[in-house]
Amino acid sequence: MPYDARIVRVFSEGDVALLKIDATGLPILPFPDADAIQQGQLVFAVGNPEGLNNSISMGMVSAVARRRKAESAPLYIQTDAAINPASSGGALVDVHGQLIGMTSFILTEGGGSEGLGFALPSHMVYLIYKELKTKGRVQIGDIRLSVQSITPAMALGLHLSRSSGLVVCDVRRDSPAEAAGIRVQDILLSLDGSPINTVVQYAIAFHTKHPGDRVELPMLRGSIRFVASVPVQDRTDDAGDIFDQFDVNSIVKALGIVGTSLNQKNHPVGESIRSKSGVLVSGKLARTDLDTGLLMGI
């Protein structure tokens, strides 16, 4: 039975809207434990591709947590279940009918499904729902600290005391992390008593933090252990539309990028770009087979 709905709130970053309908006692899909979602498990995507209502496709979880862009939130479940235009917002369920995610977008060259579909995890959907309902907006905590996974080669080159885990790769100026004394090349051991072994785990941890909270970060600097108590602030996307401030002046086909020279004159106001000189990746060339790993904003 169809219902008329009105939009209450919108979280555009996750392409999620909170809707209100005049009905009660409706059946709902159960939510599984977020930690129970496993790579390789069977899933079903429900949607309305091309107006074909209640279509179901089958696939598997290709990755438990993917980022759409570097250092961005939220994180997505990647699946090879067929998801096509007009299926966004449909359910991604497991074999028990539990809601593990809400389909969000696909990566495609031809416009249709190519096995690269993405769904917002159900625990994130629920968190967004609660935030929109109670506060009218979604707040994500931040301490202005970036980490990356340690590789054996990195550990050797930087003389790190560990060859796995997470190492601090950037501490923003005038940030809570800087005030707490954290430095680049410090190794993160855990967060609020929970082990943090991947960048994904680190990012997810801040989806339950809010301004005014504090996080306890046991760190390792060389052979010295210490604990940094860091106040959480609201996450902001300080990159914004920084590329609008530049004149594009160089296509580097060998790297598949559009480069822009940085200097003191054209450097943008703010701290999203830390270097005062060099070449900024201001765009990536479409339809290129090159995969250099270079990302916009680097």
C-alpha atoms as a PDB file:
ATOM      1  CA  MET A   1       0.000   0.000   0.000  1.00  0.00           C
ATOM      2  CA  PRO A   2       1.496   3.376  -0.992  1.00  0.00           C
ATOM      3  CA  TYR A   3       1.682   6.250   1.490  1.00  0.00           C
ATOM      4  CA  ASP A   4       2.173   9.968   1.051  1.00  0.00           C
ATOM      5  CA  ALA A   5       5.382  11.107   2.735  1.00  0.00           C
ATOM      6  CA  ARG A   6       6.979  14.411   3.589  1.00  0.00           C
ATOM      7  CA  ILE A   7      10.690  15.141   3.894  1.00  0.00           C
ATOM      8  CA  VAL A   8      11.663  15.939   7.484  1.00  0.00           C
ATOM      9  CA  ARG A   9      15.455  16.288   7.208  1.00  0.00           C
ATOM     10  CA  VAL A  10      18.203  15.516   4.669  1.00  0.00           C
ATOM     11  CA  PHE A  11      21.796  14.315   5.056  1.00  0.00           C
ATOM     12  CA  SER A  12      23.119  15.090   1.584  1.00  0.00           C
ATOM     13  CA  GLU A  13      26.612  13.685   2.189  1.00  0.00           C
ATOM     14  CA  GLY A  14      25.153  10.205   2.601  1.00  0.00           C
ATOM     15  CA  ASP A  15      22.254  10.772   0.175  1.00  0.00           C
ATOM     16  CA  VAL A  16      19.800  10.008   2.987  1.00  0.00           C
ATOM     17  CA  ALA A  17      16.468  11.659   3.772  1.00  0.00           C
ATOM     18  CA  LEU A  18      14.269  11.200   6.841  1.00  0.00           C
ATOM     19  CA  LEU A  19      10.648  10.804   5.723  1.00  0.00           C
ATOM     20  CA  LYS A  20       7.412  10.954   7.712  1.00  0.00           C
ATOM     21  CA  ILE A  21       4.265   8.997   6.838  1.00  0.00           C
ATOM     22  CA  ASP A  22       0.935   8.852   8.682  1.00  0.00           C
ATOM     23  CA  ALA A  23       0.951   5.174   9.593  1.00  0.00           C
ATOM     24  CA  THR A  24       1.850   3.019  12.581  1.00  0.00           C
ATOM     25  CA  GLY A  25       2.380  -0.667  13.291  1.00  0.00           C
ATOM     26  CA  LEU A  26       4.178  -1.334  10.027  1.00  0.00           C
ATOM     27  CA  PRO A  27       6.617  -4.280   9.718  1.00  0.00           C
ATOM     28  CA  ILE A  28      10.298  -3.404   9.771  1.00  0.00           C
ATOM     29  CA  LEU A  29      13.483  -5.137   8.678  1.00  0.00           C
ATOM     30  CA  PRO A  30      15.741  -6.271  11.537  1.00  0.00           C
ATOM     31  CA  PHE A  31      19.268  -4.823  11.754  1.00  0.00           C
ATOM     32  CA  PRO A  32      22.178  -7.268  12.161  1.00  0.00           C
ATOM     33  CA  ASP A  33      25.237  -6.642  14.286  1.00  0.00           C
ATOM     34  CA  ALA A  34      27.542  -4.379  12.267  1.00  0.00           C
ATOM     35  CA  ASP A  35      30.531  -6.617  13.076  1.00  0.00           C
ATOM     36  CA  ALA A  36      28.675  -9.620  11.606  1.00  0.00           C
ATOM     37  CA  ILE A  37      28.894  -8.287   8.035  1.00  0.00           C
ATOM     38  CA  GLN A  38      31.606 -10.276   6.298  1.00  0.00           C
ATOM     39  CA  GLN A  39      33.400  -9.989   2.978  1.00  0.00           C
ATOM     40  CA  GLY A  40      32.117 -12.677   0.608  1.00  0.00           C
ATOM     41  CA  GLN A  41      28.710 -13.173   2.234  1.00  0.00           C
ATOM     42  CA  LEU A  42      25.635 -13.484   0.042  1.00  0.00           C
ATOM     43  CA  VAL A  43      23.390 -10.406  -0.257  1.00  0.00           C
ATOM     44  CA  PHE A  44      20.311  -9.286  -2.176  1.00  0.00           C
ATOM     45  CA  ALA A  45      19.662  -5.771  -3.488  1.00  0.00           C
ATOM     46  CA  VAL A  46      16.058  -4.568  -3.772  1.00  0.00           C
ATOM     47  CA  GLY A  47      15.187  -1.569  -5.934  1.00  0.00           C
ATOM     48  CA  ASN A  48      13.219  -0.081  -8.804  1.00  0.00           C
ATOM     49  CA  PRO A  49      15.684   0.075 -11.738  1.00  0.00           C
ATOM     50  CA  GLU A  50      14.176   1.766 -14.774  1.00  0.00           C
ATOM     51  CA  GLY A  51      10.801   1.776 -13.012  1.00  0.00           C
ATOM     52  CA  LEU A  52      10.703  -2.020 -12.570  1.00  0.00           C
ATOM     53  CA  ASN A  53       9.302  -2.090  -9.049  1.00  0.00           C
ATOM     54  CA  ASN A  54      10.596  -4.499  -6.397  1.00  0.00           C
ATOM     55  CA  SER A  55      13.384  -5.947  -8.532  1.00  0.00           C
ATOM     56  CA  ILE A  56      15.839  -8.196  -6.695  1.00  0.00           C
ATOM     57  CA  SER A  57      19.423  -8.977  -7.652  1.00  0.00           C
ATOM     58  CA  MET A  58      21.878 -11.275  -5.934  1.00  0.00           C
ATOM     59  CA  GLY A  59      25.561 -10.858  -5.250  1.00  0.00           C
ATOM     60  CA  MET A  60      28.117 -10.815  -2.493  1.00  0.00           C
ATOM     61  CA  VAL A  61      29.853  -8.318  -0.248  1.00  0.00           C
ATOM     62  CA  SER A  62      32.998  -7.305  -2.115  1.00  0.00           C
ATOM     63  CA  ALA A  63      34.318  -5.108   0.715  1.00  0.00           C
ATOM     64  CA  VAL A  64      32.933  -4.296   4.135  1.00  0.00           C
ATOM     65  CA  ALA A  65      33.984  -0.643   4.201  1.00  0.00           C
ATOM     66  CA  ARG A  66      34.987   1.534   1.265  1.00  0.00           C
ATOM     67  CA  ARG A  67      35.533   5.278   1.179  1.00  0.00           C
ATOM     68  CA  ARG A  68      34.115   7.209  -1.749  1.00  0.00           C
ATOM     69  CA  LYS A  69      37.016   9.648  -1.589  1.00  0.00           C
ATOM     70  CA  ALA A  70      40.198   9.756   0.434  1.00  0.00           C
ATOM     71  CA  GLU A  71      39.597  10.773   4.065  1.00  0.00           C
ATOM     72  CA  SER A  72      35.881  11.143   3.472  1.00  0.00           C
ATOM     73  CA  ALA A  73      32.904   9.881   5.355  1.00  0.00           C
ATOM     74  CA  PRO A  74      30.740   7.947   5.427  1.00  0.00           C
ATOM     75  CA  LEU A  75      32.021   4.473   4.610  1.00  0.00           C
ATOM     76  CA  TYR A  76      30.168   2.112   2.275  1.00  0.00           C
ATOM     77  CA  ILE A  77      29.637  -1.611   1.751  1.00  0.00           C
ATOM     78  CA  GLN A  78      30.797  -2.595  -1.731  1.00  0.00           C
ATOM     79  CA  THR A  79      28.785  -5.290  -3.520  1.00  0.00           C
ATOM     80  CA  ASP A  80      28.684  -6.897  -6.942  1.00  0.00           C
ATOM     81  CA  ALA A  81      24.885  -7.332  -6.754  1.00  0.00           C
ATOM     82  CA  ALA A  82      23.373  -5.552  -9.769  1.00  0.00           C
ATOM     83  CA  ILE A  83      22.375  -1.999  -8.861  1.00  0.00           C
ATOM     84  CA  ASN A  84      21.157   0.291 -11.623  1.00  0.00           C
ATOM     85  CA  PRO A  85      19.902   3.876 -11.894  1.00  0.00           C
ATOM     86  CA  ALA A  86      16.709   4.455  -9.858  1.00  0.00           C
ATOM     87  CA  SER A  87      17.696   1.718  -7.367  1.00  0.00           C
ATOM     88  CA  SER A  88      19.313   4.168  -4.943  1.00  0.00           C
ATOM     89  CA  GLY A  89      17.686   3.999  -1.525  1.00  0.00           C
ATOM     90  CA  GLY A  90      16.740   0.334  -1.861  1.00  0.00           C
ATOM     91  CA  ALA A  91      17.482  -2.339   0.713  1.00  0.00           C
ATOM     92  CA  LEU A  92      20.565  -4.540   0.740  1.00  0.00           C
ATOM     93  CA  VAL A  93      19.664  -7.594   2.818  1.00  0.00           C
ATOM     94  CA  ASP A  94      21.347 -10.818   3.854  1.00  0.00           C
ATOM     95  CA  VAL A  95      19.996 -14.362   3.480  1.00  0.00           C
ATOM     96  CA  HIS A  96      18.014 -13.940   6.712  1.00  0.00           C
ATOM     97  CA  GLY A  97      16.242 -10.826   5.461  1.00  0.00           C
ATOM     98  CA  GLN A  98      18.192  -8.531   7.755  1.00  0.00           C
ATOM     99  CA  LEU A  99      18.956  -5.036   6.502  1.00  0.00           C
ATOM    100  CA  ILE A 100      22.719  -4.717   6.139  1.00  0.00           C
ATOM    101  CA  GLY A 101      22.672  -1.542   4.051  1.00  0.00           C
ATOM    102  CA  MET A 102      20.869   0.968   1.864  1.00  0.00           C
ATOM    103  CA  THR A 103      22.014   1.112  -1.763  1.00  0.00           C
ATOM    104  CA  SER A 104      23.543   4.486  -2.591  1.00  0.00           C
ATOM    105  CA  PHE A 105      25.529   4.664  -5.843  1.00  0.00           C
ATOM    106  CA  ILE A 106      27.465   2.740  -8.472  1.00  0.00           C
ATOM    107  CA  LEU A 107      30.731   3.227 -10.321  1.00  0.00           C
ATOM    108  CA  THR A 108      30.215   2.689 -14.038  1.00  0.00           C
ATOM    109  CA  GLU A 109      31.637   3.583 -17.431  1.00  0.00           C
ATOM    110  CA  GLY A 110      28.590   2.549 -19.465  1.00  0.00           C
ATOM    111  CA  GLY A 111      25.826   3.883 -17.216  1.00  0.00           C
ATOM    112  CA  GLY A 112      24.593   0.501 -15.935  1.00  0.00           C
ATOM    113  CA  SER A 113      25.690  -2.010 -13.329  1.00  0.00           C
ATOM    114  CA  GLU A 114      29.268  -3.221 -13.721  1.00  0.00           C
ATOM    115  CA  GLY A 115      29.540  -5.005 -10.393  1.00  0.00           C
ATOM    116  CA  LEU A 116      30.662  -1.927  -8.465  1.00  0.00           C
ATOM    117  CA  GLY A 117      27.709  -1.039  -6.264  1.00  0.00           C
ATOM    118  CA  PHE A 118      27.841   0.691  -2.896  1.00  0.00           C
ATOM    119  CA  ALA A 119      25.474   0.698   0.060  1.00  0.00           C
ATOM    120  CA  LEU A 120      25.448   2.738   3.252  1.00  0.00           C
ATOM    121  CA  PRO A 121      25.841   0.259   6.154  1.00  0.00           C
ATOM    122  CA  SER A 122      22.676  -0.235   8.204  1.00  0.00           C
ATOM    123  CA  HIS A 123      24.288   0.881  11.452  1.00  0.00           C
ATOM    124  CA  MET A 124      25.195   4.154   9.725  1.00  0.00           C
ATOM    125  CA  VAL A 125      21.651   4.482   8.377  1.00  0.00           C
ATOM    126  CA  TYR A 126      20.298   4.072  11.906  1.00  0.00           C
ATOM    127  CA  LEU A 127      22.813   6.533  13.350  1.00  0.00           C
ATOM    128  CA  ILE A 128      21.931   9.110  10.682  1.00  0.00           C
ATOM    129  CA  TYR A 129      18.219   8.546  11.349  1.00  0.00           C
ATOM    130  CA  LYS A 130      18.640   9.177  15.082  1.00  0.00           C
ATOM    131  CA  GLU A 131      20.755  12.290  14.520  1.00  0.00           C
ATOM    132  CA  LEU A 132      18.313  13.767  11.995  1.00  0.00           C
ATOM    133  CA  LYS A 133      15.311  12.992  14.188  1.00  0.00           C
ATOM    134  CA  THR A 134      16.707  14.317  17.456  1.00  0.00           C
ATOM    135  CA  LYS A 135      19.067  17.087  16.323  1.00  0.00           C
ATOM    136  CA  GLY A 136      18.038  17.925  12.779  1.00  0.00           C
ATOM    137  CA  ARG A 137      21.554  17.378  11.470  1.00  0.00           C
ATOM    138  CA  VAL A 138      24.310  14.777  11.501  1.00  0.00           C
ATOM    139  CA  GLN A 139      27.374  15.606  13.538  1.00  0.00           C
ATOM    140  CA  ILE A 140      30.605  13.675  13.012  1.00  0.00           C
ATOM    141  CA  GLY A 141      33.423  14.123  15.466  1.00  0.00           C
ATOM    142  CA  ASP A 142      36.928  15.123  14.435  1.00  0.00           C
ATOM    143  CA  ILE A 143      40.256  15.903  16.067  1.00  0.00           C
ATOM    144  CA  ARG A 144      41.996  17.057  12.846  1.00  0.00           C
ATOM    145  CA  LEU A 145      44.341  14.086  12.778  1.00  0.00           C
ATOM    146  CA  SER A 146      45.086  11.846   9.771  1.00  0.00           C
ATOM    147  CA  VAL A 147      46.467   8.322   9.975  1.00  0.00           C
ATOM    148  CA  GLN A 148      47.576   5.716   7.459  1.00  0.00           C
ATOM    149  CA  SER A 149      48.403   2.028   7.553  1.00  0.00           C
ATOM    150  CA  ILE A 150      51.995   1.088   8.308  1.00  0.00           C
ATOM    151  CA  THR A 151      53.715  -1.131   5.764  1.00  0.00           C
ATOM    152  CA  PRO A 152      57.007  -2.994   6.350  1.00  0.00           C
ATOM    153  CA  ALA A 153      58.721  -0.718   3.816  1.00  0.00           C
ATOM    154  CA  MET A 154      57.373   2.386   5.548  1.00  0.00           C
ATOM    155  CA  ALA A 155      58.466   1.094   8.942  1.00  0.00           C
ATOM    156  CA  LEU A 156      61.962   0.478   7.599  1.00  0.00           C
ATOM    157  CA  GLY A 157      62.242   3.821   5.829  1.00  0.00           C
ATOM    158  CA  LEU A 158      60.913   5.887   8.752  1.00  0.00           C
ATOM    159  CA  HIS A 159      62.631   3.761  11.438  1.00  0.00           C
ATOM    160  CA  LEU A 160      59.283   3.031  13.104  1.00  0.00           C
ATOM    161  CA  SER A 161      59.178   0.682  16.079  1.00  0.00           C
ATOM    162  CA  ARG A 162      56.305  -1.321  14.531  1.00  0.00           C
ATOM    163  CA  SER A 163      55.733  -2.727  11.064  1.00  0.00           C
ATOM    164  CA  SER A 164      51.913  -2.780  11.261  1.00  0.00           C
ATOM    165  CA  GLY A 165      49.113  -0.667  12.665  1.00  0.00           C
ATOM    166  CA  LEU A 166      48.454   3.029  12.114  1.00  0.00           C
ATOM    167  CA  VAL A 167      50.885   5.921  11.997  1.00  0.00           C
ATOM    168  CA  VAL A 168      50.029   9.612  12.184  1.00  0.00           C
ATOM    169  CA  CYS A 169      50.634  11.172   8.764  1.00  0.00           C
ATOM    170  CA  ASP A 170      49.267  14.666   9.393  1.00  0.00           C
ATOM    171  CA  VAL A 171      48.322  16.888  12.326  1.00  0.00           C
ATOM    172  CA  ARG A 172      46.465  20.049  11.345  1.00  0.00           C
ATOM    173  CA  ARG A 173      47.670  23.382  12.651  1.00  0.00           C
ATOM    174  CA  ASP A 174      45.858  24.778  15.724  1.00  0.00           C
ATOM    175  CA  SER A 175      43.930  21.513  16.041  1.00  0.00           C
ATOM    176  CA  PRO A 176      42.894  19.559  19.153  1.00  0.00           C
ATOM    177  CA  ALA A 177      45.366  16.839  18.142  1.00  0.00           C
ATOM    178  CA  GLU A 178      48.227  19.344  17.918  1.00  0.00           C
ATOM    179  CA  ALA A 179      47.299  20.867  21.277  1.00  0.00           C
ATOM    180  CA  ALA A 180      47.386  17.382  22.817  1.00  0.00           C
ATOM    181  CA  GLY A 181      50.996  16.999  21.697  1.00  0.00           C
ATOM    182  CA  ILE A 182      50.524  14.420  18.940  1.00  0.00           C
ATOM    183  CA  ARG A 183      53.131  14.527  16.171  1.00  0.00           C
ATOM    184  CA  VAL A 184      53.588  13.067  12.717  1.00  0.00           C
ATOM    185  CA  GLN A 185      55.084   9.514  12.893  1.00  0.00           C
ATOM    186  CA  ASP A 186      53.498   8.785  16.289  1.00  0.00           C
ATOM    187  CA  ILE A 187      51.906   5.323  16.233  1.00  0.00           C
ATOM    188  CA  LEU A 188      48.273   4.945  17.312  1.00  0.00           C
ATOM    189  CA  LEU A 189      47.731   1.935  19.577  1.00  0.00           C
ATOM    190  CA  SER A 190      44.022   2.176  20.423  1.00  0.00           C
ATOM    191  CA  LEU A 191      41.093   4.577  20.819  1.00  0.00           C
ATOM    192  CA  ASP A 192      39.070   4.711  24.028  1.00  0.00           C
ATOM    193  CA  GLY A 193      40.281   1.251  24.986  1.00  0.00           C
ATOM    194  CA  SER A 194      39.434  -0.387  21.649  1.00  0.00           C
ATOM    195  CA  PRO A 195      42.236  -1.596  19.337  1.00  0.00           C
ATOM    196  CA  ILE A 196      42.416   0.374  16.082  1.00  0.00           C
ATOM    197  CA  ASN A 197      44.237  -1.533  13.358  1.00  0.00           C
ATOM    198  CA  THR A 198      42.888  -0.007  10.145  1.00  0.00           C
ATOM    199  CA  VAL A 199      42.053   3.410   8.751  1.00  0.00           C
ATOM    200  CA  VAL A 200      38.452   2.219   8.350  1.00  0.00           C
ATOM    201  CA  GLN A 201      38.158   1.443  12.065  1.00  0.00           C
ATOM    202  CA  TYR A 202      39.602   4.848  12.910  1.00  0.00           C
ATOM    203  CA  ALA A 203      37.105   6.653  10.666  1.00  0.00           C
ATOM    204  CA  ILE A 204      34.113   4.687  11.955  1.00  0.00           C
ATOM    205  CA  ALA A 205      35.022   5.454  15.569  1.00  0.00           C
ATOM    206  CA  PHE A 206      34.348   9.162  15.041  1.00  0.00           C
ATOM    207  CA  HIS A 207      30.829   8.592  13.723  1.00  0.00           C
ATOM    208  CA  THR A 208      29.763   8.062  17.333  1.00  0.00           C
ATOM    209  CA  LYS A 209      31.699  11.040  18.722  1.00  0.00           C
ATOM    210  CA  HIS A 210      30.298  14.530  19.170  1.00  0.00           C
ATOM    211  CA  PRO A 211      31.689  17.982  20.001  1.00  0.00           C
ATOM    212  CA  GLY A 212      32.415  18.093  23.714  1.00  0.00           C
ATOM    213  CA  ASP A 213      33.468  14.443  23.930  1.00  0.00           C
ATOM    214  CA  ARG A 214      37.070  13.462  24.566  1.00  0.00           C
ATOM    215  CA  VAL A 215      38.965  10.529  23.101  1.00  0.00           C
ATOM    216  CA  GLU A 216      41.823   8.741  24.837  1.00  0.00           C
ATOM    217  CA  LEU A 217      44.578   7.811  22.400  1.00  0.00           C
ATOM    218  CA  PRO A 218      47.439   5.632  23.653  1.00  0.00           C
ATOM    219  CA  MET A 219      50.379   6.464  21.366  1.00  0.00           C
ATOM    220  CA  LEU A 220      53.889   5.202  20.766  1.00  0.00           C
ATOM    221  CA  ARG A 221      56.710   7.612  19.912  1.00  0.00           C
ATOM    222  CA  GLY A 222      59.850   5.590  19.335  1.00  0.00           C
ATOM    223  CA  SER A 223      59.970   3.413  22.438  1.00  0.00           C
ATOM    224  CA  ILE A 224      58.024   5.891  24.592  1.00  0.00           C
ATOM    225  CA  ARG A 225      54.354   5.251  25.323  1.00  0.00           C
ATOM    226  CA  PHE A 226      51.997   8.068  26.243  1.00  0.00           C
ATOM    227  CA  VAL A 227      48.260   8.776  26.291  1.00  0.00           C
ATOM    228  CA  ALA A 228      46.801  11.824  24.554  1.00  0.00           C
ATOM    229  CA  SER A 229      43.408  13.023  25.785  1.00  0.00           C
ATOM    230  CA  VAL A 230      41.939  14.950  22.857  1.00  0.00           C
ATOM    231  CA  PRO A 231      38.707  17.020  22.788  1.00  0.00           C
ATOM    232  CA  VAL A 232      36.429  16.285  19.848  1.00  0.00           C
ATOM    233  CA  GLN A 233      35.130  19.003  17.566  1.00  0.00           C
ATOM    234  CA  ASP A 234      32.588  18.987  14.752  1.00  0.00           C
ATOM    235  CA  ARG A 235      33.999  17.668  11.504  1.00  0.00           C
ATOM    236  CA  THR A 236      34.137  20.210   8.719  1.00  0.00           C
ATOM    237  CA  ASP A 237      35.028  19.718   5.074  1.00  0.00           C
ATOM    238  CA  ASP A 238      37.575  22.511   4.838  1.00  0.00           C
ATOM    239  CA  ALA A 239      38.463  21.513   1.312  1.00  0.00           C
ATOM    240  CA  GLY A 240      35.133  22.846   0.090  1.00  0.00           C
ATOM    241  CA  ASP A 241      35.325  24.107  -3.469  1.00  0.00           C
ATOM    242  CA  ILE A 242      38.992  25.051  -3.283  1.00  0.00           C
ATOM    243  CA  PHE A 243      39.519  24.060  -6.902  1.00  0.00           C
ATOM    244  CA  ASP A 244      37.322  26.957  -7.965  1.00  0.00           C
ATOM    245  CA  GLN A 245      40.086  29.270  -6.739  1.00  0.00           C
ATOM    246  CA  PHE A 246      42.639  28.044  -9.267  1.00  0.00           C
ATOM    247  CA  ASP A 247      43.252  28.400 -12.967  1.00  0.00           C
ATOM    248  CA  VAL A 248      43.860  24.961 -14.457  1.00  0.00           C
ATOM    249  CA  ASN A 249      47.076  25.133 -16.407  1.00  0.00           C
ATOM    250  CA  SER A 250      48.481  21.673 -17.067  1.00  0.00           C
ATOM    251  CA  ILE A 251      47.212  18.270 -18.200  1.00  0.00           C
ATOM    252  CA  VAL A 252      49.700  15.571 -17.255  1.00  0.00           C
ATOM    253  CA  LYS A 253      48.663  12.657 -19.487  1.00  0.00           C
ATOM    254  CA  ALA A 254      51.440  10.432 -18.198  1.00  0.00           C
ATOM    255  CA  LEU A 255      49.857  10.542 -14.745  1.00  0.00           C
ATOM    256  CA  GLY A 256      46.228  10.889 -15.821  1.00  0.00           C
ATOM    257  CA  ILE A 257      45.765  14.142 -13.893  1.00  0.00           C
ATOM    258  CA  VAL A 258      45.174  17.862 -14.281  1.00  0.00           C
ATOM    259  CA  GLY A 259      47.838  19.765 -12.355  1.00  0.00           C
ATOM    260  CA  THR A 260      47.866  23.303 -10.997  1.00  0.00           C
ATOM    261  CA  SER A 261      50.986  25.086  -9.807  1.00  0.00           C
ATOM    262  CA  LEU A 262      50.905  26.332  -6.237  1.00  0.00           C
ATOM    263  CA  ASN A 263      52.647  29.478  -5.110  1.00  0.00           C
ATOM    264  CA  GLN A 264      52.292  32.195  -2.492  1.00  0.00           C
ATOM    265  CA  LYS A 265      50.107  34.278  -4.791  1.00  0.00           C
ATOM    266  CA  ASN A 266      47.416  31.748  -5.616  1.00  0.00           C
ATOM    267  CA  HIS A 267      47.464  29.720  -2.383  1.00  0.00           C
ATOM    268  CA  PRO A 268      43.926  29.528  -0.959  1.00  0.00           C
ATOM    269  CA  VAL A 269      42.970  30.895   2.419  1.00  0.00           C
ATOM    270  CA  GLY A 270      42.576  28.133   5.005  1.00  0.00           C
ATOM    271  CA  GLU A 271      44.507  25.021   5.913  1.00  0.00           C
ATOM    272  CA  SER A 272      43.117  22.412   3.556  1.00  0.00           C
ATOM    273  CA  ILE A 273      46.294  22.658   1.438  1.00  0.00           C
ATOM    274  CA  ARG A 274      49.334  22.656   3.678  1.00  0.00           C
ATOM    275  CA  SER A 275      52.144  23.140   1.185  1.00  0.00           C
ATOM    276  CA  LYS A 276      52.927  26.605  -0.171  1.00  0.00           C
ATOM    277  CA  SER A 277      54.484  25.288  -3.360  1.00  0.00           C
ATOM    278  CA  GLY A 278      54.403  22.317  -5.701  1.00  0.00           C
ATOM    279  CA  VAL A 279      51.695  20.934  -7.990  1.00  0.00           C
ATOM    280  CA  LEU A 280      48.112  20.382  -6.845  1.00  0.00           C
ATOM    281  CA  VAL A 281      46.070  17.545  -8.369  1.00  0.00           C
ATOM    282  CA  SER A 282      43.014  19.589  -9.348  1.00  0.00           C
ATOM    283  CA  GLY A 283      41.388  16.946 -11.540  1.00  0.00           C
ATOM    284  CA  LYS A 284      41.686  13.430 -12.939  1.00  0.00           C
ATOM    285  CA  LEU A 285      41.308  12.530 -16.592  1.00  0.00           C
ATOM    286  CA  ALA A 286      38.201  10.568 -17.490  1.00  0.00           C
ATOM    287  CA  ARG A 287      38.401   7.209 -19.246  1.00  0.00           C
ATOM    288  CA  THR A 288      42.035   6.497 -18.493  1.00  0.00           C
ATOM    289  CA  ASP A 289      43.497   3.122 -17.601  1.00  0.00           C
ATOM    290  CA  LEU A 290      46.163   4.743 -15.463  1.00  0.00           C
ATOM    291  CA  ASP A 291      45.950   4.083 -11.725  1.00  0.00           C
ATOM    292  CA  THR A 292      48.735   6.040 -10.087  1.00  0.00           C
ATOM    293  CA  GLY A 293      46.931   6.367  -6.764  1.00  0.00           C
ATOM    294  CA  LEU A 294      47.041  10.165  -7.024  1.00  0.00           C
ATOM    295  CA  LEU A 295      43.927  11.804  -5.577  1.00  0.00           C
ATOM    296  CA  MET A 296      42.407  15.251  -6.022  1.00  0.00           C
ATOM    297  CA  GLY A 297      43.678  17.683  -3.421  1.00  0.00           C
ATOM    298  CA  ILE A 298      47.123  16.104  -3.110  1.00  0.00           C
END
